[in-house]
N, C-alpha and C. Protein backbone atom coordinates (compact mmCIF):
# COMPACT_ATOMS: atom_id res chain seq x y z
N MET A 1 -30.04 -17.02 12.75
CA MET A 1 -29.68 -17.88 11.65
C MET A 1 -30.91 -18.45 11.00
N GLU A 2 -30.72 -18.72 9.78
CA GLU A 2 -31.80 -19.28 8.99
C GLU A 2 -31.95 -20.77 9.35
N PRO A 3 -33.19 -21.26 9.44
CA PRO A 3 -33.41 -22.66 9.82
C PRO A 3 -32.73 -23.65 8.86
N LEU A 4 -32.63 -23.32 7.59
CA LEU A 4 -32.00 -24.22 6.62
C LEU A 4 -30.51 -24.37 6.91
N ILE A 5 -29.86 -23.28 7.28
CA ILE A 5 -28.43 -23.33 7.60
C ILE A 5 -28.21 -24.15 8.87
N VAL A 6 -29.05 -23.94 9.88
CA VAL A 6 -28.94 -24.70 11.14
C VAL A 6 -29.13 -26.19 10.87
N PHE A 7 -30.14 -26.52 10.06
CA PHE A 7 -30.40 -27.92 9.71
C PHE A 7 -29.22 -28.51 8.94
N SER A 8 -28.65 -27.76 8.01
CA SER A 8 -27.51 -28.24 7.22
C SER A 8 -26.29 -28.50 8.10
N ILE A 9 -26.03 -27.58 9.02
CA ILE A 9 -24.90 -27.76 9.93
C ILE A 9 -25.13 -28.98 10.82
N PHE A 10 -26.35 -29.11 11.34
CA PHE A 10 -26.69 -30.27 12.18
C PHE A 10 -26.53 -31.57 11.39
N PHE A 11 -27.03 -31.61 10.17
CA PHE A 11 -26.93 -32.79 9.30
C PHE A 11 -25.46 -33.13 9.02
N LEU A 12 -24.66 -32.12 8.74
CA LEU A 12 -23.24 -32.32 8.47
C LEU A 12 -22.51 -32.88 9.70
N ILE A 13 -22.84 -32.39 10.88
CA ILE A 13 -22.24 -32.88 12.12
C ILE A 13 -22.62 -34.34 12.37
N VAL A 14 -23.89 -34.68 12.14
CA VAL A 14 -24.36 -36.05 12.33
C VAL A 14 -23.66 -37.00 11.36
N VAL A 15 -23.56 -36.62 10.11
CA VAL A 15 -22.89 -37.47 9.10
C VAL A 15 -21.41 -37.62 9.45
N LEU A 16 -20.76 -36.54 9.81
CA LEU A 16 -19.35 -36.59 10.19
C LEU A 16 -19.14 -37.48 11.42
N ALA A 17 -20.02 -37.37 12.41
CA ALA A 17 -19.91 -38.21 13.62
C ALA A 17 -20.11 -39.68 13.25
N TRP A 18 -21.05 -39.96 12.36
CA TRP A 18 -21.27 -41.35 11.93
C TRP A 18 -20.03 -41.88 11.19
N LEU A 19 -19.45 -41.08 10.31
CA LEU A 19 -18.25 -41.51 9.57
C LEU A 19 -17.10 -41.83 10.52
N VAL A 20 -16.86 -40.95 11.46
CA VAL A 20 -15.77 -41.16 12.41
C VAL A 20 -16.07 -42.39 13.28
N GLY A 21 -17.28 -42.51 13.75
CA GLY A 21 -17.66 -43.66 14.59
C GLY A 21 -17.54 -44.98 13.84
N THR A 22 -17.97 -45.01 12.60
CA THR A 22 -17.88 -46.23 11.81
C THR A 22 -16.44 -46.59 11.52
N TYR A 23 -15.63 -45.62 11.16
CA TYR A 23 -14.21 -45.87 10.92
C TYR A 23 -13.56 -46.42 12.18
N ASN A 24 -13.88 -45.84 13.32
CA ASN A 24 -13.30 -46.29 14.58
C ASN A 24 -13.74 -47.72 14.93
N ARG A 25 -14.97 -48.10 14.57
CA ARG A 25 -15.41 -49.49 14.79
C ARG A 25 -14.61 -50.44 13.92
N PHE A 26 -14.34 -50.06 12.66
CA PHE A 26 -13.48 -50.89 11.80
C PHE A 26 -12.12 -51.10 12.45
N VAL A 27 -11.55 -50.03 12.95
CA VAL A 27 -10.22 -50.11 13.58
C VAL A 27 -10.29 -50.97 14.84
N LYS A 28 -11.33 -50.80 15.62
CA LYS A 28 -11.50 -51.59 16.85
C LYS A 28 -11.56 -53.08 16.53
N PHE A 29 -12.38 -53.47 15.53
CA PHE A 29 -12.50 -54.88 15.18
C PHE A 29 -11.22 -55.41 14.56
N LYS A 30 -10.55 -54.60 13.76
CA LYS A 30 -9.28 -55.02 13.13
C LYS A 30 -8.24 -55.28 14.22
N ASN A 31 -8.16 -54.40 15.19
CA ASN A 31 -7.22 -54.59 16.30
C ASN A 31 -7.60 -55.79 17.15
N GLY A 32 -8.89 -56.02 17.33
CA GLY A 32 -9.34 -57.20 18.07
C GLY A 32 -8.96 -58.48 17.34
N ILE A 33 -9.07 -58.47 16.02
CA ILE A 33 -8.67 -59.63 15.22
C ILE A 33 -7.18 -59.88 15.39
N GLU A 34 -6.39 -58.85 15.31
CA GLU A 34 -4.93 -59.01 15.44
C GLU A 34 -4.55 -59.48 16.84
N GLU A 35 -5.20 -58.94 17.85
CA GLU A 35 -4.91 -59.35 19.23
C GLU A 35 -5.30 -60.81 19.45
N SER A 36 -6.47 -61.21 18.96
CA SER A 36 -6.90 -62.59 19.17
C SER A 36 -6.07 -63.56 18.33
N TRP A 37 -5.58 -63.11 17.15
CA TRP A 37 -4.68 -63.97 16.37
C TRP A 37 -3.39 -64.21 17.15
N SER A 38 -2.94 -63.19 17.88
CA SER A 38 -1.76 -63.34 18.71
C SER A 38 -1.98 -64.42 19.76
N GLY A 39 -3.18 -64.46 20.33
CA GLY A 39 -3.51 -65.51 21.31
C GLY A 39 -3.47 -66.89 20.69
N ILE A 40 -3.98 -67.02 19.47
CA ILE A 40 -3.93 -68.30 18.77
C ILE A 40 -2.48 -68.69 18.52
N ASP A 41 -1.70 -67.73 18.06
CA ASP A 41 -0.30 -67.99 17.74
C ASP A 41 0.48 -68.46 18.97
N VAL A 42 0.25 -67.83 20.11
CA VAL A 42 0.93 -68.22 21.34
C VAL A 42 0.56 -69.65 21.73
N ALA A 43 -0.72 -69.98 21.65
CA ALA A 43 -1.17 -71.33 22.01
C ALA A 43 -0.59 -72.37 21.04
N LEU A 44 -0.53 -72.03 19.75
CA LEU A 44 0.04 -72.96 18.78
C LEU A 44 1.54 -73.16 19.02
N LYS A 45 2.23 -72.10 19.41
CA LYS A 45 3.66 -72.23 19.72
C LYS A 45 3.86 -73.10 20.95
N ARG A 46 2.98 -72.97 21.94
CA ARG A 46 3.07 -73.84 23.12
C ARG A 46 2.87 -75.30 22.72
N ARG A 47 1.94 -75.53 21.79
CA ARG A 47 1.70 -76.90 21.31
C ARG A 47 2.94 -77.42 20.58
N HIS A 48 3.56 -76.58 19.75
CA HIS A 48 4.76 -76.99 19.03
C HIS A 48 5.91 -77.30 19.98
N ASN A 49 5.99 -76.56 21.08
CA ASN A 49 7.04 -76.83 22.07
C ASN A 49 6.80 -78.15 22.80
N LEU A 50 5.54 -78.59 22.88
CA LEU A 50 5.20 -79.84 23.55
C LEU A 50 5.46 -81.06 22.67
N ILE A 51 5.40 -80.89 21.37
CA ILE A 51 5.52 -82.02 20.44
C ILE A 51 6.83 -82.80 20.62
N PRO A 52 7.99 -82.17 20.74
CA PRO A 52 9.21 -82.97 20.93
C PRO A 52 9.15 -83.86 22.17
N ASN A 53 8.53 -83.38 23.24
CA ASN A 53 8.40 -84.19 24.45
C ASN A 53 7.50 -85.40 24.20
N LEU A 54 6.42 -85.20 23.46
CA LEU A 54 5.56 -86.33 23.10
C LEU A 54 6.31 -87.35 22.25
N ILE A 55 7.10 -86.86 21.32
CA ILE A 55 7.88 -87.75 20.46
C ILE A 55 8.86 -88.56 21.29
N ARG A 56 9.55 -87.90 22.22
CA ARG A 56 10.51 -88.61 23.07
C ARG A 56 9.81 -89.67 23.92
N ALA A 57 8.61 -89.37 24.39
CA ALA A 57 7.87 -90.34 25.19
C ALA A 57 7.49 -91.56 24.36
N VAL A 58 7.16 -91.35 23.10
CA VAL A 58 6.74 -92.44 22.22
C VAL A 58 7.95 -93.22 21.72
N GLU A 59 9.08 -92.55 21.56
CA GLU A 59 10.27 -93.20 20.99
C GLU A 59 10.66 -94.48 21.72
N GLY A 60 10.50 -94.49 23.01
CA GLY A 60 10.86 -95.68 23.77
C GLY A 60 9.97 -96.87 23.46
N TYR A 61 8.79 -96.61 22.94
CA TYR A 61 7.85 -97.69 22.68
C TYR A 61 7.81 -98.07 21.21
N SER A 62 7.98 -97.10 20.35
CA SER A 62 7.91 -97.40 18.92
C SER A 62 8.74 -96.39 18.15
N GLU A 63 9.98 -96.72 17.88
CA GLU A 63 10.89 -95.82 17.17
C GLU A 63 10.38 -95.50 15.77
N HIS A 64 9.80 -96.47 15.09
CA HIS A 64 9.34 -96.25 13.71
C HIS A 64 8.25 -95.17 13.65
N GLU A 65 7.22 -95.28 14.50
CA GLU A 65 6.13 -94.30 14.47
C GLU A 65 6.61 -92.92 14.90
N ALA A 66 7.50 -92.87 15.87
CA ALA A 66 8.01 -91.58 16.32
C ALA A 66 8.81 -90.90 15.21
N THR A 67 9.63 -91.66 14.48
CA THR A 67 10.40 -91.10 13.37
C THR A 67 9.47 -90.60 12.28
N LEU A 68 8.44 -91.37 11.98
CA LEU A 68 7.46 -90.96 10.97
C LEU A 68 6.79 -89.67 11.38
N PHE A 69 6.40 -89.57 12.65
CA PHE A 69 5.75 -88.36 13.13
C PHE A 69 6.69 -87.17 13.08
N ARG A 70 7.95 -87.38 13.46
CA ARG A 70 8.92 -86.30 13.46
C ARG A 70 9.06 -85.72 12.07
N THR A 71 9.14 -86.55 11.04
CA THR A 71 9.29 -86.03 9.68
C THR A 71 8.01 -85.34 9.23
N LYS A 72 6.86 -85.82 9.67
CA LYS A 72 5.60 -85.16 9.32
C LYS A 72 5.49 -83.80 9.99
N GLY A 73 6.04 -83.68 11.20
CA GLY A 73 5.92 -82.43 11.96
C GLY A 73 6.93 -81.38 11.57
N ASP A 74 7.86 -81.71 10.67
CA ASP A 74 8.91 -80.76 10.31
C ASP A 74 8.48 -79.72 9.28
N TYR A 75 7.27 -79.77 8.78
CA TYR A 75 6.92 -78.86 7.69
C TYR A 75 6.27 -77.56 8.17
N LEU A 76 6.37 -77.24 9.42
CA LEU A 76 5.86 -75.96 9.90
C LEU A 76 6.82 -74.86 9.44
N THR A 77 6.30 -73.98 8.60
CA THR A 77 7.16 -72.93 8.06
C THR A 77 7.03 -71.63 8.84
N GLY A 78 6.07 -71.55 9.75
CA GLY A 78 5.92 -70.35 10.55
C GLY A 78 5.27 -69.21 9.78
N SER A 79 4.48 -69.53 8.77
CA SER A 79 3.83 -68.46 8.00
C SER A 79 2.81 -67.77 8.87
N SER A 80 2.57 -66.52 8.57
CA SER A 80 1.66 -65.75 9.40
C SER A 80 0.27 -65.63 8.81
N GLY A 81 0.10 -65.99 7.54
CA GLY A 81 -1.21 -65.91 6.93
C GLY A 81 -2.15 -66.96 7.48
N VAL A 82 -3.42 -66.59 7.65
CA VAL A 82 -4.39 -67.49 8.24
C VAL A 82 -4.56 -68.73 7.37
N SER A 83 -4.69 -68.59 6.05
CA SER A 83 -4.92 -69.73 5.17
C SER A 83 -3.76 -70.71 5.22
N ASN A 84 -2.54 -70.21 5.11
CA ASN A 84 -1.38 -71.10 5.15
C ASN A 84 -1.23 -71.75 6.52
N ARG A 85 -1.48 -71.00 7.54
CA ARG A 85 -1.33 -71.53 8.90
C ARG A 85 -2.36 -72.60 9.18
N VAL A 86 -3.58 -72.45 8.66
CA VAL A 86 -4.61 -73.46 8.86
C VAL A 86 -4.19 -74.79 8.25
N GLU A 87 -3.65 -74.75 7.03
CA GLU A 87 -3.20 -75.97 6.37
C GLU A 87 -2.09 -76.65 7.17
N GLU A 88 -1.09 -75.88 7.58
CA GLU A 88 0.02 -76.44 8.33
C GLU A 88 -0.44 -77.03 9.65
N GLU A 89 -1.25 -76.29 10.37
CA GLU A 89 -1.70 -76.75 11.69
C GLU A 89 -2.64 -77.94 11.57
N SER A 90 -3.41 -78.01 10.49
CA SER A 90 -4.28 -79.17 10.28
C SER A 90 -3.45 -80.43 10.08
N ARG A 91 -2.37 -80.31 9.32
CA ARG A 91 -1.48 -81.47 9.12
C ARG A 91 -0.84 -81.88 10.44
N ILE A 92 -0.44 -80.92 11.22
CA ILE A 92 0.17 -81.23 12.51
C ILE A 92 -0.86 -81.88 13.44
N SER A 93 -2.09 -81.37 13.45
CA SER A 93 -3.14 -81.97 14.27
C SER A 93 -3.40 -83.41 13.86
N GLU A 94 -3.42 -83.65 12.57
CA GLU A 94 -3.63 -85.01 12.07
C GLU A 94 -2.49 -85.93 12.53
N SER A 95 -1.27 -85.45 12.45
CA SER A 95 -0.11 -86.23 12.91
C SER A 95 -0.18 -86.47 14.42
N LEU A 96 -0.56 -85.44 15.17
CA LEU A 96 -0.70 -85.60 16.62
C LEU A 96 -1.78 -86.61 16.95
N ARG A 97 -2.87 -86.59 16.20
CA ARG A 97 -3.95 -87.55 16.41
C ARG A 97 -3.42 -88.98 16.24
N GLY A 98 -2.58 -89.16 15.20
CA GLY A 98 -1.98 -90.47 14.98
C GLY A 98 -1.04 -90.86 16.11
N LEU A 99 -0.29 -89.90 16.60
CA LEU A 99 0.63 -90.17 17.70
C LEU A 99 -0.14 -90.55 18.97
N LEU A 100 -1.21 -89.84 19.24
CA LEU A 100 -2.03 -90.17 20.41
C LEU A 100 -2.70 -91.53 20.24
N GLY A 101 -2.99 -91.89 19.00
CA GLY A 101 -3.57 -93.20 18.72
C GLY A 101 -2.60 -94.33 19.05
N LEU A 102 -1.31 -94.05 19.05
CA LEU A 102 -0.32 -95.07 19.41
C LEU A 102 -0.51 -95.54 20.85
N ALA A 103 -1.00 -94.68 21.69
CA ALA A 103 -1.20 -95.06 23.09
C ALA A 103 -2.16 -96.23 23.20
N GLU A 104 -3.08 -96.32 22.27
CA GLU A 104 -4.02 -97.45 22.27
C GLU A 104 -3.30 -98.75 21.93
N ALA A 105 -2.29 -98.69 21.07
CA ALA A 105 -1.56 -99.89 20.65
C ALA A 105 -0.50 -100.29 21.68
N TYR A 106 -0.08 -99.38 22.55
CA TYR A 106 0.95 -99.66 23.54
C TYR A 106 0.41 -99.34 24.93
N PRO A 107 -0.18 -100.33 25.59
CA PRO A 107 -0.76 -100.09 26.92
C PRO A 107 0.24 -99.52 27.93
N ASP A 108 1.53 -99.94 27.83
CA ASP A 108 2.53 -99.40 28.75
C ASP A 108 2.71 -97.90 28.56
N LEU A 109 2.65 -97.46 27.29
CA LEU A 109 2.76 -96.04 26.99
C LEU A 109 1.55 -95.29 27.54
N LYS A 110 0.38 -95.88 27.35
CA LYS A 110 -0.85 -95.26 27.82
C LYS A 110 -0.85 -95.09 29.34
N ALA A 111 -0.18 -96.01 30.03
CA ALA A 111 -0.14 -95.98 31.49
C ALA A 111 1.03 -95.15 32.02
N SER A 112 1.96 -94.75 31.15
CA SER A 112 3.13 -94.00 31.58
C SER A 112 2.72 -92.64 32.15
N ALA A 113 3.22 -92.36 33.35
CA ALA A 113 2.88 -91.09 34.01
C ALA A 113 3.36 -89.90 33.18
N ASN A 114 4.53 -90.03 32.56
CA ASN A 114 5.07 -88.96 31.73
C ASN A 114 4.16 -88.70 30.53
N PHE A 115 3.73 -89.75 29.85
CA PHE A 115 2.87 -89.59 28.69
C PHE A 115 1.51 -89.02 29.09
N VAL A 116 0.97 -89.51 30.21
CA VAL A 116 -0.32 -89.00 30.69
C VAL A 116 -0.23 -87.51 30.99
N ALA A 117 0.89 -87.08 31.61
CA ALA A 117 1.07 -85.66 31.91
C ALA A 117 1.19 -84.84 30.62
N LEU A 118 1.93 -85.38 29.65
CA LEU A 118 2.06 -84.68 28.37
C LEU A 118 0.71 -84.59 27.66
N GLN A 119 -0.06 -85.66 27.72
CA GLN A 119 -1.38 -85.65 27.08
C GLN A 119 -2.31 -84.65 27.77
N ALA A 120 -2.22 -84.55 29.08
CA ALA A 120 -3.02 -83.56 29.82
C ALA A 120 -2.60 -82.14 29.42
N SER A 121 -1.30 -81.92 29.27
CA SER A 121 -0.82 -80.61 28.82
C SER A 121 -1.33 -80.29 27.42
N LEU A 122 -1.31 -81.29 26.56
CA LEU A 122 -1.81 -81.09 25.20
C LEU A 122 -3.30 -80.75 25.22
N ASN A 123 -4.07 -81.44 26.06
CA ASN A 123 -5.50 -81.13 26.18
C ASN A 123 -5.71 -79.69 26.63
N GLU A 124 -4.93 -79.25 27.60
CA GLU A 124 -5.04 -77.88 28.11
C GLU A 124 -4.69 -76.86 27.03
N ILE A 125 -3.61 -77.13 26.31
CA ILE A 125 -3.18 -76.22 25.25
C ILE A 125 -4.24 -76.15 24.16
N GLU A 126 -4.81 -77.29 23.81
CA GLU A 126 -5.81 -77.29 22.74
C GLU A 126 -7.10 -76.61 23.17
N GLU A 127 -7.41 -76.65 24.46
CA GLU A 127 -8.55 -75.87 24.96
C GLU A 127 -8.25 -74.38 24.81
N ASP A 128 -7.03 -73.98 25.10
CA ASP A 128 -6.62 -72.58 24.91
C ASP A 128 -6.71 -72.18 23.44
N ILE A 129 -6.29 -73.08 22.55
CA ILE A 129 -6.40 -72.80 21.11
C ILE A 129 -7.85 -72.60 20.73
N GLN A 130 -8.72 -73.47 21.25
CA GLN A 130 -10.14 -73.36 20.91
C GLN A 130 -10.74 -72.06 21.42
N LYS A 131 -10.40 -71.66 22.63
CA LYS A 131 -10.92 -70.40 23.17
C LYS A 131 -10.42 -69.21 22.35
N ALA A 132 -9.13 -69.22 22.02
CA ALA A 132 -8.57 -68.13 21.22
C ALA A 132 -9.19 -68.11 19.83
N ARG A 133 -9.41 -69.29 19.26
CA ARG A 133 -10.03 -69.38 17.93
C ARG A 133 -11.45 -68.82 17.97
N ASN A 134 -12.21 -69.15 19.00
CA ASN A 134 -13.58 -68.64 19.12
C ASN A 134 -13.58 -67.12 19.24
N ARG A 135 -12.65 -66.58 20.01
CA ARG A 135 -12.55 -65.12 20.17
C ARG A 135 -12.20 -64.47 18.83
N TYR A 136 -11.21 -65.05 18.14
CA TYR A 136 -10.80 -64.55 16.83
C TYR A 136 -11.98 -64.56 15.86
N ASN A 137 -12.70 -65.67 15.81
CA ASN A 137 -13.83 -65.79 14.87
C ASN A 137 -14.98 -64.84 15.22
N ARG A 138 -15.16 -64.54 16.51
CA ARG A 138 -16.19 -63.54 16.87
C ARG A 138 -15.83 -62.17 16.31
N TYR A 139 -14.56 -61.78 16.46
CA TYR A 139 -14.13 -60.50 15.90
C TYR A 139 -14.22 -60.49 14.38
N VAL A 140 -13.84 -61.60 13.75
CA VAL A 140 -13.93 -61.68 12.29
C VAL A 140 -15.38 -61.56 11.85
N GLY A 141 -16.29 -62.20 12.56
CA GLY A 141 -17.71 -62.11 12.23
C GLY A 141 -18.24 -60.69 12.32
N LYS A 142 -17.88 -59.99 13.40
CA LYS A 142 -18.31 -58.60 13.56
C LYS A 142 -17.71 -57.71 12.47
N PHE A 143 -16.42 -57.92 12.21
CA PHE A 143 -15.73 -57.13 11.19
C PHE A 143 -16.35 -57.37 9.81
N ASN A 144 -16.57 -58.64 9.46
CA ASN A 144 -17.14 -58.96 8.15
C ASN A 144 -18.55 -58.41 7.99
N THR A 145 -19.33 -58.45 9.07
CA THR A 145 -20.68 -57.88 9.02
C THR A 145 -20.61 -56.39 8.76
N LEU A 146 -19.68 -55.72 9.42
CA LEU A 146 -19.53 -54.28 9.22
C LEU A 146 -19.05 -53.97 7.80
N VAL A 147 -18.13 -54.79 7.28
CA VAL A 147 -17.62 -54.58 5.91
C VAL A 147 -18.74 -54.68 4.89
N GLU A 148 -19.69 -55.57 5.12
CA GLU A 148 -20.77 -55.80 4.15
C GLU A 148 -22.02 -54.97 4.41
N SER A 149 -22.08 -54.29 5.55
CA SER A 149 -23.29 -53.53 5.91
C SER A 149 -23.37 -52.23 5.13
N PHE A 150 -24.60 -51.85 4.83
CA PHE A 150 -24.85 -50.58 4.17
C PHE A 150 -25.12 -49.56 5.26
N PRO A 151 -24.59 -48.42 5.22
CA PRO A 151 -23.71 -47.73 4.29
C PRO A 151 -22.23 -47.85 4.66
N ALA A 152 -21.90 -48.69 5.70
CA ALA A 152 -20.50 -48.83 6.11
C ALA A 152 -19.63 -49.41 5.00
N VAL A 153 -20.25 -50.08 4.05
CA VAL A 153 -19.51 -50.66 2.93
C VAL A 153 -18.72 -49.59 2.18
N PHE A 154 -19.22 -48.37 2.14
CA PHE A 154 -18.52 -47.28 1.43
C PHE A 154 -17.23 -46.89 2.17
N ILE A 155 -17.29 -46.88 3.48
CA ILE A 155 -16.08 -46.59 4.27
C ILE A 155 -15.09 -47.74 4.10
N ALA A 156 -15.60 -48.98 4.12
CA ALA A 156 -14.72 -50.15 3.96
C ALA A 156 -13.99 -50.08 2.63
N ARG A 157 -14.70 -49.75 1.57
CA ARG A 157 -14.05 -49.66 0.25
C ARG A 157 -13.04 -48.53 0.22
N ARG A 158 -13.39 -47.40 0.79
CA ARG A 158 -12.54 -46.22 0.74
C ARG A 158 -11.22 -46.43 1.47
N PHE A 159 -11.28 -47.14 2.61
CA PHE A 159 -10.09 -47.31 3.43
C PHE A 159 -9.48 -48.72 3.32
N GLY A 160 -9.98 -49.52 2.40
CA GLY A 160 -9.37 -50.82 2.12
C GLY A 160 -9.65 -51.91 3.15
N PHE A 161 -10.74 -51.81 3.89
CA PHE A 161 -11.10 -52.87 4.82
C PHE A 161 -11.78 -53.98 4.02
N GLU A 162 -11.22 -55.19 4.08
CA GLU A 162 -11.77 -56.32 3.34
C GLU A 162 -12.14 -57.43 4.30
N LYS A 163 -13.06 -58.28 3.85
CA LYS A 163 -13.49 -59.41 4.68
C LYS A 163 -12.28 -60.27 5.06
N ARG A 164 -12.34 -60.82 6.24
CA ARG A 164 -11.30 -61.71 6.75
C ARG A 164 -11.82 -63.15 6.73
N LYS A 165 -10.90 -64.09 6.73
CA LYS A 165 -11.28 -65.51 6.78
C LYS A 165 -11.34 -65.97 8.22
N TYR A 166 -12.29 -66.87 8.46
CA TYR A 166 -12.39 -67.49 9.77
C TYR A 166 -11.26 -68.49 9.95
N PHE A 167 -10.87 -68.73 11.19
CA PHE A 167 -9.83 -69.70 11.51
C PHE A 167 -10.51 -70.97 11.96
N THR A 168 -10.40 -72.01 11.15
CA THR A 168 -10.97 -73.31 11.49
C THR A 168 -9.85 -74.32 11.60
N LEU A 169 -9.89 -75.10 12.64
CA LEU A 169 -8.83 -76.08 12.87
C LEU A 169 -9.39 -77.24 13.67
N ASP A 170 -9.24 -78.44 13.12
CA ASP A 170 -9.59 -79.64 13.88
C ASP A 170 -8.44 -79.91 14.83
N LEU A 171 -8.74 -79.99 16.09
CA LEU A 171 -7.70 -80.19 17.09
C LEU A 171 -7.37 -81.67 17.23
N ALA A 172 -6.17 -81.96 17.64
CA ALA A 172 -5.71 -83.35 17.75
C ALA A 172 -6.47 -84.12 18.82
N THR A 173 -6.96 -83.44 19.84
CA THR A 173 -7.64 -84.13 20.93
C THR A 173 -9.15 -84.19 20.75
N GLN A 174 -9.65 -83.67 19.63
CA GLN A 174 -11.09 -83.76 19.39
C GLN A 174 -11.46 -85.20 19.11
N ARG A 175 -12.52 -85.63 19.71
CA ARG A 175 -12.98 -86.99 19.53
C ARG A 175 -14.11 -87.00 18.51
N GLU A 176 -14.05 -87.97 17.62
CA GLU A 176 -15.12 -88.15 16.65
C GLU A 176 -16.28 -88.84 17.34
N LEU A 177 -17.49 -88.39 17.07
CA LEU A 177 -18.66 -89.04 17.63
C LEU A 177 -18.93 -90.33 16.86
N PRO A 178 -19.33 -91.37 17.56
CA PRO A 178 -19.61 -92.61 16.84
C PRO A 178 -20.85 -92.45 15.97
N GLU A 179 -20.83 -93.15 14.85
CA GLU A 179 -21.98 -93.10 13.96
C GLU A 179 -23.06 -94.03 14.48
N VAL A 180 -24.29 -93.58 14.43
CA VAL A 180 -25.42 -94.37 14.88
C VAL A 180 -26.29 -94.65 13.68
N ASP A 181 -26.63 -95.91 13.49
CA ASP A 181 -27.46 -96.31 12.37
C ASP A 181 -28.81 -96.75 12.91
N PHE A 182 -29.86 -95.96 12.65
CA PHE A 182 -31.18 -96.28 13.13
C PHE A 182 -31.98 -97.13 12.14
N SER A 183 -31.43 -97.36 10.96
CA SER A 183 -32.18 -98.07 9.93
C SER A 183 -32.35 -99.55 10.26
N SER A 184 -31.48 -100.13 11.05
CA SER A 184 -31.59 -101.57 11.36
C SER A 184 -32.08 -101.79 12.78
N SER A 185 -32.90 -100.89 13.28
CA SER A 185 -33.34 -100.99 14.67
C SER A 185 -34.48 -101.96 14.87
N GLY A 186 -35.06 -102.47 13.81
CA GLY A 186 -36.15 -103.44 13.96
C GLY A 186 -37.49 -102.80 14.16
N ASN A 187 -37.57 -101.49 14.21
CA ASN A 187 -38.83 -100.79 14.42
C ASN A 187 -39.50 -100.44 13.10
N ALA A 188 -38.90 -100.81 12.01
CA ALA A 188 -39.48 -100.46 10.71
C ALA A 188 -40.70 -101.31 10.43
N LYS A 189 -41.73 -100.68 9.97
CA LYS A 189 -42.97 -101.39 9.64
C LYS A 189 -43.15 -101.35 8.14
N GLU A 190 -43.67 -102.47 7.64
CA GLU A 190 -43.89 -102.53 6.19
C GLU A 190 -45.31 -102.23 5.85
């Protein structure tokens, strides 16, 4: 065989192997994103199942706040899109944060073994949400990098692979760090 034909066949095999390998990486990351989203969804459903128990625990101490929280928590529509789900879950986290804040106003509630157990369950569930979110965002990062990388961008365009959005959610049990003001420390020199 002529060296040019051998080189052409070799080049064609290398390009074909790269195309197949790159396409398979897109599929791998896409499936990883879907699998990790399922993990987030399961953890969020566990959190939603816990909310009625938290409401019942608070109802004995403050009917007004529990009723307010119940109406705030009713707007979960169960949408599957990341953007819509982030908005819904953020509102629920904010409401849960307010509900947990009630424990500060009602020392008997804060000391209740039932409420403490529910709060511990919520902490565990939210840790699971955070782990699943981190896994999801790692896959999204890898997928988005591949979508934007040259020459993989041509395969992404050809097969309709588009960038995905990261899942960001402030959890109800996240604590805000206190603000520190160093300007009035007395160490300023004129």
